[in-house]
Protein backbone atom coordinates (compact mmCIF):
# COMPACT_ATOMS: atom_id res chain seq x y z
CA MET A 1 -88.99 -51.38 21.71
CA GLY A 2 -89.90 -48.90 24.60
CA ARG A 3 -88.68 -45.90 25.30
CA LEU A 4 -84.55 -47.47 25.61
CA GLY A 5 -84.93 -48.43 21.96
CA THR A 6 -86.44 -45.11 20.72
CA LEU A 7 -83.41 -43.07 22.44
CA ALA A 8 -80.76 -45.12 21.18
CA LEU A 9 -81.98 -44.98 17.60
CA LYS A 10 -81.97 -41.57 18.61
CA SER A 11 -78.95 -41.05 19.54
CA LEU A 12 -77.73 -43.33 16.50
CA GLY A 13 -79.58 -40.63 13.78
CA LEU A 14 -77.55 -38.06 15.38
CA LEU A 15 -74.42 -39.66 15.68
CA VAL A 16 -74.68 -40.16 11.56
CA LEU A 17 -76.08 -36.29 10.78
CA ALA A 18 -72.72 -35.43 12.97
CA PHE A 19 -70.75 -37.72 10.75
CA VAL A 20 -71.89 -36.93 7.87
CA ALA A 21 -71.37 -32.57 8.73
CA PHE A 22 -67.86 -33.09 10.14
CA SER A 23 -66.71 -34.65 6.75
CA VAL A 24 -68.82 -32.19 4.76
CA ILE A 25 -66.78 -29.65 6.96
CA ALA A 26 -63.63 -31.68 6.17
CA THR A 27 -63.94 -31.69 2.62
CA ILE A 28 -64.60 -28.14 2.24
CA VAL A 29 -61.39 -27.57 4.18
CA GLY A 30 -59.14 -30.25 1.49
CA ILE A 31 -60.06 -28.39 -0.79
CA VAL A 32 -59.42 -24.70 0.18
CA LEU A 33 -55.76 -26.03 1.03
CA GLY A 34 -55.61 -28.08 -2.11
CA ILE A 35 -56.40 -24.23 -4.00
CA VAL A 36 -54.36 -22.42 -1.80
CA THR A 37 -51.62 -25.13 -2.79
CA ALA A 38 -51.82 -24.78 -5.87
CA VAL A 39 -51.52 -21.35 -6.30
CA VAL A 40 -48.96 -20.81 -4.02
CA SER A 41 -47.55 -23.30 -6.26
CA LEU A 42 -48.05 -21.24 -9.12
CA VAL A 43 -46.65 -17.51 -8.29
CA VAL A 44 -43.69 -19.81 -6.59
CA SER A 45 -42.70 -21.92 -10.00
CA VAL A 46 -43.25 -18.43 -11.98
CA ALA A 47 -41.72 -16.69 -9.59
CA VAL A 48 -38.31 -19.47 -9.85
CA LEU A 49 -39.17 -19.21 -14.13
CA GLY A 50 -38.14 -15.54 -14.69
CA LEU A 51 -35.43 -16.08 -12.58
CA LEU A 52 -33.92 -17.91 -15.28
CA ILE A 53 -34.86 -16.24 -17.26
CA LEU A 54 -33.21 -13.06 -16.15
CA GLY A 55 -30.32 -15.24 -15.32
CA GLY A 56 -30.24 -17.20 -19.02
CA ILE A 57 -30.97 -12.79 -20.41
CA LYS A 58 -27.33 -11.37 -17.57
CA LEU A 59 -25.29 -14.19 -18.73
CA ALA A 60 -25.55 -13.95 -22.61
CA SER A 61 -25.38 -10.87 -21.65
CA MET A 62 -21.67 -11.14 -20.05
CA LEU A 63 -20.85 -13.40 -23.05
CA GLY A 64 -22.07 -11.13 -25.24
CA ASP A 65 -19.68 -8.72 -27.61
CA ASP A 66 -21.62 -5.85 -25.90
CA ASP A 67 -18.28 -5.01 -23.79
CA PRO A 68 -15.34 -3.16 -26.53
CA THR A 69 -12.45 -5.51 -27.20
CA PRO A 70 -8.55 -4.15 -27.15
CA GLU A 71 -8.46 -3.32 -30.73
CA THR A 72 -11.63 -1.13 -31.16
CA PHE A 73 -11.12 0.40 -27.19
CA GLY A 74 -9.86 3.85 -27.46
CA THR A 75 -10.36 4.24 -31.05
CA PRO A 76 -13.39 6.85 -31.75
CA THR A 77 -16.52 6.29 -33.01
CA GLY A 78 -18.07 7.78 -35.97
CA THR A 79 -19.84 10.28 -34.43
CA GLU A 80 -15.90 11.19 -32.49
CA ARG A 81 -14.26 11.08 -35.54
CA SER A 82 -17.34 13.29 -37.76
CA ARG A 83 -16.86 15.80 -35.07
CA ASP A 84 -15.66 19.13 -36.12
CA PRO A 85 -12.20 20.40 -34.67
CA LYS A 86 -13.43 23.28 -33.27
CA SER A 87 -15.79 21.01 -31.71
CA GLN A 88 -13.16 18.62 -29.99
CA LEU A 89 -10.84 21.37 -29.86
CA ARG A 90 -13.58 23.24 -27.27
CA ASP A 91 -13.94 19.82 -25.59
CA GLN A 92 -10.12 18.95 -24.94
CA TYR A 93 -10.15 22.47 -23.76
CA VAL A 94 -12.85 22.34 -20.84
CA SER A 95 -11.40 18.32 -20.44
CA GLY A 96 -8.87 20.00 -18.66
CA GLU A 97 -6.31 18.74 -20.90
CA LEU A 98 -5.44 21.79 -23.05
CA SER A 99 -4.29 24.81 -20.99
CA GLU A 100 -5.65 28.60 -22.07
CA ALA A 101 -2.64 29.15 -24.41
CA GLU A 102 -2.86 25.79 -26.05
CA PHE A 103 -6.30 26.40 -27.07
CA GLU A 104 -5.88 29.66 -28.76
CA ARG A 105 -2.83 29.08 -30.31
CA GLU A 106 -4.87 25.85 -31.69
CA LEU A 107 -8.15 27.57 -32.06
CA ASP A 108 -6.01 30.06 -34.54
CA ARG A 109 -4.03 27.22 -35.66
CA LEU A 110 -7.35 26.09 -37.03
CA MET A 111 -9.33 29.10 -38.49
CA ASP A 112 -5.41 29.85 -40.08
CA SER A 113 -5.63 26.39 -41.44
CA SER A 114 -9.48 27.25 -42.43
CA ASP A 115 -8.88 30.04 -44.51
CA ARG A 116 -6.08 28.68 -46.27
CA PRO A 117 -8.12 26.91 -49.96
CA GLY A 118 -6.78 23.24 -50.28
CA SER A 119 -6.85 22.73 -46.34
CA ARG A 120 -8.27 20.31 -44.16
CA SER A 121 -10.46 22.11 -42.21
CA GLY A 122 -7.46 22.38 -39.81
CA SER A 123 -8.03 19.09 -38.22
CA THR A 124 -5.98 18.49 -35.18
CA ARG A 125 -4.36 15.41 -34.09
CA SER A 126 -2.83 14.46 -31.24
CA SER A 127 0.34 13.99 -32.44
CA ASP A 128 0.62 17.78 -32.87
CA LEU A 129 -1.11 18.64 -29.90
CA GLU A 130 1.99 16.71 -27.82
CA ARG A 131 4.59 18.91 -30.34
CA ASP A 132 3.57 21.86 -29.91
CA ARG A 133 2.91 21.45 -25.45
CA ARG A 134 6.90 20.74 -25.52
C-alpha cells in the first residue's frame, strides 16, 4: 500500500469524522426544535384552556339569576326601605323629582307628623307625592 492507499484511508477517516460531526449537530438542532415545539404547544394549550374557563364563567354569569326578574325590578331593597324619610326626600329633591316648593312642603309635613304621637315617623309614599303635585 503506497501513498495512494494512505491518502484514501485518510480521506475515508475524514469523511467518517465529518459525518459524525454533522450527525451530532443535527441531533442537537432536533432536540432544540423539539423543546421549542413543546414550549409553544404548552403555551397554546394553557391559553386555550384559559379561554374555555373564561367563556364558561361568562356563560354561567349570563345564565345565572344575577339579573333582576320582572317581579323584583323596581322594588326597593332592604337598605332603601330602611333609610329615613328625610334622606329619601332629599334624594328625590336632588334627583329633580321634586321642586323646591314640594320639597319644603313635604319636609314640613314630615316634621309635623314626626311630632305627633303614634305617627309612622312621616314616611313619604309616592301616592302622597303624586296627589300633592296635582
